[in-house]
Each structure stands twice: as structure tokens, then as C-alpha cells.
Amino acid sequence: RNHQVFVTKPINRRLAISISCLSVLLFSVNLFLSETDRPQLLQRIFDRNYIVKYLGLDGFTAIDGVKTAMSNEVRAEASSNELPEIMKFTKQNNLPLNPQYAGIAKGKNVFVIHLESFQQFLINMKVQGQEVTPFLNQLYQNKATISFDNFFHEVGQGKTSDAENMLETGTFGLPQGSLFTQLGSDNTFEAAP
């Protein structure tokens, strides 16, 4: 027969309390040094890499959990009574359509080529007499092509998903986390067809 024997030892409370206090002290010193090196580290969480760098993965997980809970609480407390004021603000701060581009693709097939991490300088670039992007050059120089080279990096922490969201819906990503991760399961977005 297989017998298991459990030996119980009394817990040294003084040692347990000492280790806990030392852990809290070390975390506090680390947090103080982090705040000294990167002021407002916990208030301005726009780049989670800094949190991991300064506080470690455990610290990041704890802070991310608290921030997620706070965001969910704010969303849960939102009232539909605030909607008319938001709609009024949106209408007052909405730019008119640019007449140069309004309706330009009506009745046409539209192909959107969205290239991640692509730089404009590669268009028409040649290396040793060879085009770097011959197919894209051909599309770019076509008279029916509309290209926007003055396109700003406006994505948040969602990177790829925020860029796709901006392209499809015309809205910006969130300052904290990916828009689709934070709001995607609870919201419907109006996007390009």
C-alpha cells in the first residue's frame, strides 16, 4: 500500500512577517526609483513596456488588472442621459467633407492597400538600377490611384489593430491598450463597407 505521511511544522510567524515586510520595502524602493527615473510612471501608462521594465511582470499584471477594473467600472456607470451632450459635441466639432475627395469613388471598385511598417521613401526608389517596389510603383503612378503620403502615426498600444481601426472607421485608438481588446466585444463600429 501507498501511504502518505504529512508532517506539519508550526509556521514561524516572525519570519513570515519579516519576509512580507522586506518584500513590501523592496517593491516600494523599486517604485520610488522608477518614479525618479520616469516621473508619473503609474499615472501616464501609455507604454506598458516601461511598466514591465521598471516594475517587472508581476507589477505590470497587478497594475493592468487595477486599470482594467477601473475602466470597466467607468463604463458600467456611464449613463444614456449623457448621450445628447456627447452627440452635440461631436456635431459641433466635426469637420466638413473635403470637396476634393467627397464622392470621388462613387460607383467604382475600391481597393485599399494598407501596408504595415512601410515607408513612403521606398516608392520609386531604385537600388543598383532596380526598382525596390515595381508593382507598387505601377499602382502608385496610375492616374486612377489616390494615394495619401501625409499620413500620421496615430495609433495607440494596439499598433496593427489600431491602425486598421483608424483606416476603416476614421477613429483613433485608445491611449491605453488596444481598442479592440478594450472595447471590441461590447461595441459595434461603423466602418467602410
N, C-alpha and C. Protein backbone atom coordinates (compact mmCIF):
# COMPACT_ATOMS: atom_id res chain seq x y z
N ARG A 1 0.82 -1.20 0.00
CA ARG A 1 0.00 0.00 0.00
C ARG A 1 0.86 1.25 0.00
N ASN A 2 0.26 2.25 -0.61
CA ASN A 2 0.95 3.53 -0.69
C ASN A 2 0.41 4.43 0.42
N HIS A 3 1.26 4.72 1.38
CA HIS A 3 0.85 5.58 2.50
C HIS A 3 1.50 6.94 2.35
N GLN A 4 0.74 7.95 2.61
CA GLN A 4 1.30 9.30 2.60
C GLN A 4 1.36 9.81 4.03
N VAL A 5 2.47 10.40 4.33
CA VAL A 5 2.67 10.94 5.67
C VAL A 5 2.82 12.45 5.55
N PHE A 6 2.02 13.17 6.27
CA PHE A 6 2.10 14.63 6.28
C PHE A 6 2.73 15.07 7.59
N VAL A 7 3.76 15.87 7.46
CA VAL A 7 4.41 16.39 8.64
C VAL A 7 4.05 17.86 8.73
N THR A 8 3.50 18.25 9.82
CA THR A 8 3.13 19.65 9.99
C THR A 8 4.15 20.32 10.90
N LYS A 9 4.60 21.47 10.44
CA LYS A 9 5.52 22.26 11.24
C LYS A 9 4.81 23.55 11.61
N PRO A 10 5.08 24.02 12.75
CA PRO A 10 4.49 25.32 13.10
C PRO A 10 5.10 26.42 12.22
N ILE A 11 4.28 27.34 11.81
CA ILE A 11 4.74 28.44 10.96
C ILE A 11 5.43 29.46 11.84
N ASN A 12 6.61 29.84 11.41
CA ASN A 12 7.35 30.87 12.12
C ASN A 12 6.77 32.22 11.71
N ARG A 13 5.89 32.75 12.51
CA ARG A 13 5.18 33.99 12.17
C ARG A 13 6.13 35.16 12.03
N ARG A 14 7.12 35.21 12.88
CA ARG A 14 8.07 36.32 12.83
C ARG A 14 8.80 36.32 11.48
N LEU A 15 9.21 35.15 11.02
CA LEU A 15 9.89 35.03 9.73
C LEU A 15 8.96 35.41 8.58
N ALA A 16 7.72 34.95 8.64
CA ALA A 16 6.74 35.26 7.59
C ALA A 16 6.47 36.76 7.51
N ILE A 17 6.32 37.39 8.66
CA ILE A 17 6.08 38.84 8.70
C ILE A 17 7.31 39.59 8.21
N SER A 18 8.48 39.13 8.60
CA SER A 18 9.73 39.78 8.17
C SER A 18 9.89 39.71 6.65
N ILE A 19 9.63 38.55 6.07
CA ILE A 19 9.74 38.39 4.61
C ILE A 19 8.72 39.26 3.90
N SER A 20 7.50 39.31 4.42
CA SER A 20 6.46 40.16 3.81
C SER A 20 6.85 41.63 3.87
N CYS A 21 7.34 42.07 5.03
CA CYS A 21 7.76 43.47 5.17
C CYS A 21 8.93 43.80 4.25
N LEU A 22 9.88 42.88 4.14
CA LEU A 22 11.02 43.08 3.25
C LEU A 22 10.56 43.18 1.80
N SER A 23 9.59 42.35 1.42
CA SER A 23 9.07 42.38 0.05
C SER A 23 8.40 43.72 -0.24
N VAL A 24 7.58 44.20 0.69
CA VAL A 24 6.91 45.49 0.51
C VAL A 24 7.94 46.61 0.45
N LEU A 25 8.96 46.54 1.30
CA LEU A 25 10.02 47.56 1.30
C LEU A 25 10.77 47.58 -0.03
N LEU A 26 11.15 46.40 -0.53
CA LEU A 26 11.87 46.33 -1.81
C LEU A 26 11.00 46.85 -2.96
N PHE A 27 9.72 46.49 -2.96
CA PHE A 27 8.82 46.98 -4.01
C PHE A 27 8.70 48.50 -3.93
N SER A 28 8.59 49.04 -2.70
CA SER A 28 8.47 50.49 -2.52
C SER A 28 9.72 51.21 -2.99
N VAL A 29 10.90 50.67 -2.67
CA VAL A 29 12.15 51.27 -3.12
C VAL A 29 12.22 51.23 -4.65
N ASN A 30 11.85 50.09 -5.23
CA ASN A 30 11.84 49.96 -6.69
C ASN A 30 10.88 50.96 -7.32
N LEU A 31 9.71 51.12 -6.73
CA LEU A 31 8.72 52.08 -7.24
C LEU A 31 9.25 53.50 -7.13
N PHE A 32 9.88 53.83 -6.00
CA PHE A 32 10.45 55.17 -5.81
C PHE A 32 11.52 55.45 -6.86
N LEU A 33 12.42 54.50 -7.06
CA LEU A 33 13.48 54.67 -8.06
C LEU A 33 12.90 54.78 -9.47
N SER A 34 11.85 54.01 -9.73
CA SER A 34 11.20 54.07 -11.04
C SER A 34 10.56 55.43 -11.26
N GLU A 35 9.89 55.95 -10.24
CA GLU A 35 9.25 57.27 -10.34
C GLU A 35 10.30 58.36 -10.50
N THR A 36 11.46 58.17 -9.89
CA THR A 36 12.54 59.15 -10.03
C THR A 36 13.06 59.16 -11.46
N ASP A 37 13.23 57.98 -12.02
CA ASP A 37 13.76 57.85 -13.38
C ASP A 37 12.70 58.20 -14.43
N ARG A 38 11.46 57.83 -14.16
CA ARG A 38 10.36 58.04 -15.11
C ARG A 38 9.18 58.64 -14.35
N PRO A 39 9.15 59.98 -14.17
CA PRO A 39 8.08 60.61 -13.38
C PRO A 39 6.69 60.25 -13.89
N GLN A 40 5.77 60.13 -12.95
CA GLN A 40 4.36 59.80 -13.22
C GLN A 40 4.22 58.49 -13.97
N LEU A 41 5.05 57.55 -13.63
CA LEU A 41 5.04 56.24 -14.30
C LEU A 41 3.66 55.58 -14.21
N LEU A 42 3.05 55.65 -13.04
CA LEU A 42 1.76 54.98 -12.86
C LEU A 42 0.58 55.82 -13.34
N GLN A 43 0.75 57.13 -13.46
CA GLN A 43 -0.35 57.98 -13.93
C GLN A 43 -0.42 57.99 -15.46
N ARG A 44 0.71 57.93 -16.11
CA ARG A 44 0.74 58.03 -17.58
C ARG A 44 1.14 56.67 -18.16
N ILE A 45 0.24 55.74 -18.14
CA ILE A 45 0.56 54.40 -18.62
C ILE A 45 0.23 54.33 -20.11
N PHE A 46 1.05 54.99 -20.92
CA PHE A 46 0.82 54.94 -22.36
C PHE A 46 1.71 53.93 -23.04
N ASP A 47 2.75 53.50 -22.37
CA ASP A 47 3.62 52.48 -22.95
C ASP A 47 3.87 51.43 -21.88
N ARG A 48 3.21 50.32 -22.02
CA ARG A 48 3.29 49.28 -21.00
C ARG A 48 4.69 48.68 -20.88
N ASN A 49 5.50 48.86 -21.90
CA ASN A 49 6.87 48.35 -21.81
C ASN A 49 7.63 48.98 -20.65
N TYR A 50 7.34 50.25 -20.37
CA TYR A 50 8.01 50.91 -19.26
C TYR A 50 7.60 50.29 -17.93
N ILE A 51 6.33 49.95 -17.79
CA ILE A 51 5.88 49.34 -16.54
C ILE A 51 6.61 48.03 -16.32
N VAL A 52 6.68 47.21 -17.35
CA VAL A 52 7.38 45.93 -17.23
C VAL A 52 8.86 46.16 -16.94
N LYS A 53 9.44 47.14 -17.63
CA LYS A 53 10.87 47.42 -17.44
C LYS A 53 11.17 47.85 -16.01
N TYR A 54 10.35 48.74 -15.46
CA TYR A 54 10.65 49.30 -14.15
C TYR A 54 10.09 48.50 -12.99
N LEU A 55 8.92 47.90 -13.16
CA LEU A 55 8.28 47.21 -12.04
C LEU A 55 8.21 45.70 -12.21
N GLY A 56 8.58 45.20 -13.36
CA GLY A 56 8.55 43.76 -13.57
C GLY A 56 7.19 43.29 -14.05
N LEU A 57 7.14 42.03 -14.44
CA LEU A 57 5.91 41.45 -14.99
C LEU A 57 4.80 41.36 -13.95
N ASP A 58 5.17 41.03 -12.72
CA ASP A 58 4.16 40.94 -11.66
C ASP A 58 3.54 42.30 -11.38
N GLY A 59 4.38 43.33 -11.31
CA GLY A 59 3.88 44.69 -11.09
C GLY A 59 2.98 45.14 -12.22
N PHE A 60 3.39 44.83 -13.45
CA PHE A 60 2.57 45.18 -14.61
C PHE A 60 1.22 44.48 -14.55
N THR A 61 1.23 43.18 -14.23
CA THR A 61 -0.02 42.41 -14.17
C THR A 61 -0.97 43.01 -13.14
N ALA A 62 -0.43 43.38 -11.98
CA ALA A 62 -1.26 43.98 -10.93
C ALA A 62 -1.83 45.32 -11.38
N ILE A 63 -0.98 46.17 -11.94
CA ILE A 63 -1.42 47.50 -12.38
C ILE A 63 -2.42 47.39 -13.53
N ASP A 64 -2.17 46.49 -14.46
CA ASP A 64 -3.08 46.30 -15.59
C ASP A 64 -4.44 45.81 -15.10
N GLY A 65 -4.43 44.92 -14.11
CA GLY A 65 -5.69 44.44 -13.54
C GLY A 65 -6.48 45.56 -12.89
N VAL A 66 -5.80 46.42 -12.15
CA VAL A 66 -6.47 47.55 -11.49
C VAL A 66 -7.02 48.52 -12.54
N LYS A 67 -6.21 48.84 -13.56
CA LYS A 67 -6.66 49.76 -14.62
C LYS A 67 -7.86 49.18 -15.39
N THR A 68 -7.83 47.89 -15.66
CA THR A 68 -8.94 47.25 -16.37
C THR A 68 -10.21 47.32 -15.53
N ALA A 69 -10.08 47.03 -14.23
CA ALA A 69 -11.25 47.10 -13.34
C ALA A 69 -11.80 48.52 -13.28
N MET A 70 -10.92 49.51 -13.22
CA MET A 70 -11.37 50.90 -13.18
C MET A 70 -12.07 51.29 -14.47
N SER A 71 -11.53 50.87 -15.61
CA SER A 71 -12.16 51.18 -16.91
C SER A 71 -13.54 50.53 -17.01
N ASN A 72 -13.63 49.29 -16.57
CA ASN A 72 -14.92 48.59 -16.61
C ASN A 72 -15.94 49.26 -15.70
N GLU A 73 -15.48 49.77 -14.56
CA GLU A 73 -16.39 50.45 -13.64
C GLU A 73 -16.91 51.76 -14.24
N VAL A 74 -16.02 52.51 -14.88
CA VAL A 74 -16.44 53.77 -15.52
C VAL A 74 -17.45 53.48 -16.62
N ARG A 75 -17.19 52.45 -17.41
CA ARG A 75 -18.11 52.08 -18.49
C ARG A 75 -19.46 51.64 -17.93
N ALA A 76 -19.43 50.88 -16.84
CA ALA A 76 -20.68 50.38 -16.25
C ALA A 76 -21.51 51.53 -15.67
N GLU A 77 -20.85 52.58 -15.21
CA GLU A 77 -21.56 53.71 -14.60
C GLU A 77 -21.99 54.75 -15.62
N ALA A 78 -21.61 54.57 -16.88
CA ALA A 78 -21.99 55.54 -17.92
C ALA A 78 -23.51 55.54 -18.07
N SER A 79 -24.04 56.72 -18.28
CA SER A 79 -25.49 56.88 -18.37
C SER A 79 -25.89 57.30 -19.78
N SER A 80 -27.02 56.79 -20.23
CA SER A 80 -27.52 57.19 -21.55
C SER A 80 -27.98 58.65 -21.54
N ASN A 81 -28.16 59.24 -20.36
CA ASN A 81 -28.53 60.65 -20.26
C ASN A 81 -27.41 61.56 -20.78
N GLU A 82 -26.18 61.06 -20.79
CA GLU A 82 -25.04 61.84 -21.25
C GLU A 82 -24.92 61.83 -22.77
N LEU A 83 -25.66 60.96 -23.44
CA LEU A 83 -25.54 60.80 -24.88
C LEU A 83 -25.89 62.06 -25.68
N PRO A 84 -26.97 62.79 -25.37
CA PRO A 84 -27.27 64.00 -26.16
C PRO A 84 -26.13 65.03 -26.11
N GLU A 85 -25.51 65.19 -24.95
CA GLU A 85 -24.40 66.13 -24.83
C GLU A 85 -23.20 65.68 -25.67
N ILE A 86 -22.95 64.39 -25.68
CA ILE A 86 -21.85 63.84 -26.48
C ILE A 86 -22.13 64.02 -27.97
N MET A 87 -23.37 63.75 -28.39
CA MET A 87 -23.74 63.91 -29.80
C MET A 87 -23.63 65.38 -30.23
N LYS A 88 -24.04 66.29 -29.35
CA LYS A 88 -23.94 67.72 -29.64
C LYS A 88 -22.47 68.12 -29.83
N PHE A 89 -21.62 67.66 -28.94
CA PHE A 89 -20.19 67.95 -29.03
C PHE A 89 -19.61 67.41 -30.34
N THR A 90 -20.01 66.19 -30.68
CA THR A 90 -19.50 65.56 -31.91
C THR A 90 -19.92 66.35 -33.14
N LYS A 91 -21.17 66.79 -33.19
CA LYS A 91 -21.65 67.56 -34.35
C LYS A 91 -20.96 68.92 -34.45
N GLN A 92 -20.71 69.55 -33.30
CA GLN A 92 -20.07 70.86 -33.30
C GLN A 92 -18.59 70.78 -33.68
N ASN A 93 -17.97 69.65 -33.44
CA ASN A 93 -16.54 69.51 -33.67
C ASN A 93 -16.22 68.59 -34.85
N ASN A 94 -17.17 68.40 -35.74
CA ASN A 94 -16.98 67.54 -36.90
C ASN A 94 -16.57 68.40 -38.09
N LEU A 95 -15.50 68.03 -38.75
CA LEU A 95 -15.06 68.78 -39.92
C LEU A 95 -15.94 68.47 -41.13
N PRO A 96 -16.16 69.46 -41.99
CA PRO A 96 -16.95 69.19 -43.20
C PRO A 96 -16.15 68.31 -44.16
N LEU A 97 -16.86 67.66 -45.06
CA LEU A 97 -16.20 66.81 -46.06
C LEU A 97 -15.31 67.65 -46.96
N ASN A 98 -14.20 67.09 -47.34
CA ASN A 98 -13.30 67.75 -48.28
C ASN A 98 -13.89 67.58 -49.68
N PRO A 99 -14.30 68.67 -50.33
CA PRO A 99 -14.96 68.55 -51.64
C PRO A 99 -14.07 67.92 -52.72
N GLN A 100 -12.75 67.99 -52.52
CA GLN A 100 -11.83 67.40 -53.49
C GLN A 100 -11.97 65.88 -53.54
N TYR A 101 -12.35 65.28 -52.39
CA TYR A 101 -12.43 63.82 -52.32
C TYR A 101 -13.84 63.28 -52.09
N ALA A 102 -14.79 64.11 -51.72
CA ALA A 102 -16.14 63.65 -51.41
C ALA A 102 -16.79 63.01 -52.63
N GLY A 103 -17.17 61.76 -52.54
CA GLY A 103 -17.86 61.04 -53.60
C GLY A 103 -16.99 60.65 -54.77
N ILE A 104 -15.70 60.78 -54.66
CA ILE A 104 -14.79 60.52 -55.79
C ILE A 104 -14.81 59.06 -56.24
N ALA A 105 -15.13 58.15 -55.35
CA ALA A 105 -15.10 56.72 -55.70
C ALA A 105 -16.50 56.14 -55.87
N LYS A 106 -17.50 57.00 -55.96
CA LYS A 106 -18.87 56.51 -56.09
C LYS A 106 -19.03 55.69 -57.37
N GLY A 107 -19.57 54.49 -57.23
CA GLY A 107 -19.79 53.61 -58.36
C GLY A 107 -18.55 52.88 -58.85
N LYS A 108 -17.44 53.01 -58.13
CA LYS A 108 -16.20 52.36 -58.55
C LYS A 108 -15.82 51.26 -57.56
N ASN A 109 -15.03 50.34 -58.04
CA ASN A 109 -14.45 49.34 -57.15
C ASN A 109 -13.28 50.00 -56.42
N VAL A 110 -13.26 49.83 -55.11
CA VAL A 110 -12.21 50.45 -54.30
C VAL A 110 -11.34 49.37 -53.69
N PHE A 111 -10.06 49.48 -53.91
CA PHE A 111 -9.08 48.59 -53.29
C PHE A 111 -8.23 49.42 -52.36
N VAL A 112 -8.19 49.03 -51.11
CA VAL A 112 -7.36 49.72 -50.13
C VAL A 112 -6.14 48.86 -49.87
N ILE A 113 -4.98 49.43 -50.08
CA ILE A 113 -3.73 48.72 -49.78
C ILE A 113 -3.14 49.38 -48.55
N HIS A 114 -3.17 48.66 -47.48
CA HIS A 114 -2.69 49.17 -46.19
C HIS A 114 -1.43 48.38 -45.84
N LEU A 115 -0.30 49.05 -45.87
CA LEU A 115 0.98 48.37 -45.64
C LEU A 115 1.52 48.73 -44.26
N GLU A 116 1.69 47.72 -43.45
CA GLU A 116 2.24 47.96 -42.11
C GLU A 116 3.76 48.09 -42.19
N SER A 117 4.28 49.06 -41.48
CA SER A 117 5.73 49.31 -41.39
C SER A 117 6.35 49.64 -42.74
N PHE A 118 5.57 50.15 -43.64
CA PHE A 118 6.07 50.54 -44.97
C PHE A 118 6.38 52.03 -44.95
N GLN A 119 7.47 52.41 -45.55
CA GLN A 119 7.88 53.81 -45.58
C GLN A 119 7.70 54.37 -46.99
N GLN A 120 7.26 55.61 -47.08
CA GLN A 120 6.98 56.27 -48.35
C GLN A 120 8.22 56.36 -49.24
N PHE A 121 9.40 56.47 -48.64
CA PHE A 121 10.61 56.65 -49.45
C PHE A 121 10.90 55.46 -50.36
N LEU A 122 10.28 54.32 -50.08
CA LEU A 122 10.51 53.13 -50.91
C LEU A 122 9.81 53.22 -52.27
N ILE A 123 8.78 54.06 -52.36
CA ILE A 123 8.08 54.24 -53.64
C ILE A 123 9.04 54.93 -54.60
N ASN A 124 9.17 54.38 -55.78
CA ASN A 124 10.05 54.89 -56.85
C ASN A 124 11.54 54.81 -56.52
N MET A 125 11.89 54.15 -55.45
CA MET A 125 13.31 54.01 -55.10
C MET A 125 13.96 52.92 -55.96
N LYS A 126 15.20 53.19 -56.36
CA LYS A 126 15.96 52.20 -57.12
C LYS A 126 17.26 51.91 -56.40
N VAL A 127 17.64 50.66 -56.41
CA VAL A 127 18.92 50.22 -55.86
C VAL A 127 19.66 49.50 -56.98
N GLN A 128 20.80 50.01 -57.33
CA GLN A 128 21.60 49.47 -58.43
C GLN A 128 20.77 49.35 -59.72
N GLY A 129 19.96 50.38 -59.96
CA GLY A 129 19.16 50.41 -61.18
C GLY A 129 17.88 49.60 -61.14
N GLN A 130 17.63 48.86 -60.06
CA GLN A 130 16.42 48.02 -59.93
C GLN A 130 15.42 48.71 -59.00
N GLU A 131 14.15 48.73 -59.44
CA GLU A 131 13.11 49.27 -58.57
C GLU A 131 12.93 48.36 -57.36
N VAL A 132 12.78 48.98 -56.20
CA VAL A 132 12.58 48.21 -54.97
C VAL A 132 11.15 47.68 -54.91
N THR A 133 10.19 48.48 -55.35
CA THR A 133 8.77 48.09 -55.30
C THR A 133 8.12 48.31 -56.67
N PRO A 134 8.46 47.50 -57.66
CA PRO A 134 7.95 47.76 -59.02
C PRO A 134 6.42 47.71 -59.13
N PHE A 135 5.79 46.73 -58.50
CA PHE A 135 4.33 46.62 -58.59
C PHE A 135 3.65 47.80 -57.91
N LEU A 136 4.13 48.16 -56.72
CA LEU A 136 3.55 49.31 -56.01
C LEU A 136 3.79 50.60 -56.78
N ASN A 137 4.96 50.73 -57.40
CA ASN A 137 5.25 51.92 -58.21
C ASN A 137 4.24 52.04 -59.35
N GLN A 138 3.92 50.92 -59.98
CA GLN A 138 2.97 50.92 -61.09
C GLN A 138 1.58 51.36 -60.60
N LEU A 139 1.16 50.83 -59.46
CA LEU A 139 -0.13 51.25 -58.90
C LEU A 139 -0.11 52.72 -58.50
N TYR A 140 0.96 53.12 -57.86
CA TYR A 140 1.09 54.48 -57.34
C TYR A 140 1.04 55.52 -58.45
N GLN A 141 1.62 55.21 -59.59
CA GLN A 141 1.71 56.17 -60.69
C GLN A 141 0.48 56.14 -61.61
N ASN A 142 -0.43 55.20 -61.38
CA ASN A 142 -1.64 55.10 -62.18
C ASN A 142 -2.51 56.33 -61.92
N LYS A 143 -3.11 56.90 -62.97
CA LYS A 143 -3.92 58.11 -62.82
C LYS A 143 -5.17 57.89 -61.98
N ALA A 144 -5.64 56.65 -61.92
CA ALA A 144 -6.84 56.35 -61.14
C ALA A 144 -6.53 56.13 -59.65
N THR A 145 -5.26 56.13 -59.30
CA THR A 145 -4.86 55.87 -57.91
C THR A 145 -4.91 57.14 -57.09
N ILE A 146 -5.46 57.01 -55.91
CA ILE A 146 -5.41 58.10 -54.93
C ILE A 146 -4.50 57.61 -53.81
N SER A 147 -3.47 58.37 -53.54
CA SER A 147 -2.51 57.97 -52.52
C SER A 147 -2.36 59.10 -51.50
N PHE A 148 -2.20 58.73 -50.27
CA PHE A 148 -2.02 59.71 -49.21
C PHE A 148 -0.67 59.47 -48.55
N ASP A 149 0.27 60.35 -48.82
CA ASP A 149 1.60 60.17 -48.25
C ASP A 149 1.81 61.02 -46.99
N ASN A 150 0.84 61.86 -46.68
CA ASN A 150 0.92 62.68 -45.47
C ASN A 150 0.04 62.06 -44.40
N PHE A 151 0.37 60.85 -44.05
CA PHE A 151 -0.45 60.03 -43.16
C PHE A 151 0.29 59.92 -41.84
N PHE A 152 -0.32 60.32 -40.75
CA PHE A 152 0.37 60.39 -39.47
C PHE A 152 0.20 59.14 -38.63
N HIS A 153 1.20 58.86 -37.85
CA HIS A 153 1.19 57.73 -36.92
C HIS A 153 0.31 58.10 -35.73
N GLU A 154 -0.90 57.64 -35.72
CA GLU A 154 -1.85 58.00 -34.67
C GLU A 154 -2.36 56.78 -33.92
N VAL A 155 -1.60 55.71 -33.93
CA VAL A 155 -2.08 54.50 -33.28
C VAL A 155 -1.64 54.49 -31.83
N GLY A 156 -2.41 53.77 -31.02
CA GLY A 156 -2.06 53.62 -29.62
C GLY A 156 -1.32 52.33 -29.40
N GLN A 157 -1.59 51.71 -28.27
CA GLN A 157 -0.87 50.48 -27.94
C GLN A 157 -1.33 49.30 -28.76
N GLY A 158 -2.45 49.44 -29.46
CA GLY A 158 -2.94 48.34 -30.27
C GLY A 158 -2.15 48.14 -31.54
N LYS A 159 -1.31 49.11 -31.89
CA LYS A 159 -0.47 49.07 -33.08
C LYS A 159 -1.25 48.66 -34.33
N THR A 160 -1.14 47.41 -34.76
CA THR A 160 -1.78 46.97 -36.00
C THR A 160 -3.30 47.11 -35.94
N SER A 161 -3.91 46.65 -34.87
CA SER A 161 -5.38 46.72 -34.80
C SER A 161 -5.85 48.16 -34.72
N ASP A 162 -5.10 49.05 -34.05
CA ASP A 162 -5.49 50.45 -34.00
C ASP A 162 -5.36 51.10 -35.38
N ALA A 163 -4.32 50.73 -36.13
CA ALA A 163 -4.15 51.28 -37.49
C ALA A 163 -5.29 50.82 -38.39
N GLU A 164 -5.67 49.55 -38.28
CA GLU A 164 -6.79 49.04 -39.08
C GLU A 164 -8.09 49.73 -38.68
N ASN A 165 -8.29 49.94 -37.39
CA ASN A 165 -9.48 50.63 -36.92
C ASN A 165 -9.52 52.06 -37.47
N MET A 166 -8.40 52.76 -37.44
CA MET A 166 -8.35 54.13 -37.93
C MET A 166 -8.64 54.18 -39.43
N LEU A 167 -8.10 53.25 -40.17
CA LEU A 167 -8.31 53.20 -41.61
C LEU A 167 -9.77 52.90 -41.94
N GLU A 168 -10.37 51.97 -41.23
CA GLU A 168 -11.74 51.53 -41.53
C GLU A 168 -12.82 52.45 -40.97
N THR A 169 -12.60 53.01 -39.77
CA THR A 169 -13.65 53.78 -39.11
C THR A 169 -13.36 55.27 -39.01
N GLY A 170 -12.10 55.65 -39.17
CA GLY A 170 -11.74 57.06 -39.03
C GLY A 170 -11.63 57.49 -37.58
N THR A 171 -11.59 56.56 -36.65
CA THR A 171 -11.45 56.91 -35.23
C THR A 171 -10.08 56.47 -34.72
N PHE A 172 -9.63 57.14 -33.68
CA PHE A 172 -8.32 56.87 -33.12
C PHE A 172 -8.37 55.72 -32.13
N GLY A 173 -7.22 55.13 -31.89
CA GLY A 173 -7.10 54.10 -30.87
C GLY A 173 -7.15 54.71 -29.48
N LEU A 174 -7.07 53.87 -28.50
CA LEU A 174 -7.11 54.33 -27.11
C LEU A 174 -5.71 54.64 -26.61
N PRO A 175 -5.60 55.52 -25.61
CA PRO A 175 -4.28 55.80 -25.06
C PRO A 175 -3.72 54.62 -24.26
N GLN A 176 -4.60 53.75 -23.79
CA GLN A 176 -4.16 52.60 -23.01
C GLN A 176 -4.77 51.33 -23.57
N GLY A 177 -3.94 50.47 -24.11
CA GLY A 177 -4.40 49.19 -24.61
C GLY A 177 -4.98 49.27 -26.01
N SER A 178 -5.22 48.12 -26.58
CA SER A 178 -5.79 48.03 -27.91
C SER A 178 -7.27 48.35 -27.86
N LEU A 179 -7.75 49.14 -28.80
CA LEU A 179 -9.16 49.49 -28.85
C LEU A 179 -10.04 48.25 -28.95
N PHE A 180 -9.66 47.31 -29.80
CA PHE A 180 -10.48 46.12 -29.98
C PHE A 180 -10.46 45.22 -28.75
N THR A 181 -9.35 45.17 -28.05
CA THR A 181 -9.28 44.37 -26.83
C THR A 181 -10.11 45.01 -25.73
N GLN A 182 -10.02 46.34 -25.63
CA GLN A 182 -10.72 47.06 -24.56
C GLN A 182 -12.22 47.21 -24.84
N LEU A 183 -12.58 47.54 -26.08
CA LEU A 183 -13.97 47.88 -26.38
C LEU A 183 -14.63 47.02 -27.45
N GLY A 184 -13.86 46.17 -28.10
CA GLY A 184 -14.36 45.44 -29.25
C GLY A 184 -15.50 44.48 -28.99
N SER A 185 -15.52 43.84 -27.84
CA SER A 185 -16.56 42.85 -27.59
C SER A 185 -17.88 43.49 -27.15
N ASP A 186 -17.83 44.75 -26.70
CA ASP A 186 -19.03 45.40 -26.19
C ASP A 186 -19.61 46.46 -27.12
N ASN A 187 -18.95 46.73 -28.24
CA ASN A 187 -19.37 47.83 -29.10
C ASN A 187 -19.48 47.39 -30.56
N THR A 188 -20.27 48.15 -31.31
CA THR A 188 -20.38 47.96 -32.75
C THR A 188 -19.77 49.18 -33.41
N PHE A 189 -18.90 48.97 -34.39
CA PHE A 189 -18.23 50.07 -35.06
C PHE A 189 -18.75 50.20 -36.48
N GLU A 190 -19.00 51.43 -36.90
CA GLU A 190 -19.41 51.69 -38.28
C GLU A 190 -18.15 51.87 -39.10
N ALA A 191 -17.96 51.01 -40.08
CA ALA A 191 -16.72 51.02 -40.84
C ALA A 191 -16.99 51.05 -42.34
N ALA A 192 -15.92 51.12 -43.09
CA ALA A 192 -16.04 51.09 -44.55
C ALA A 192 -16.67 49.76 -44.98
N PRO A 193 -17.45 49.78 -46.08
CA PRO A 193 -18.11 48.54 -46.50
C PRO A 193 -17.13 47.51 -47.01
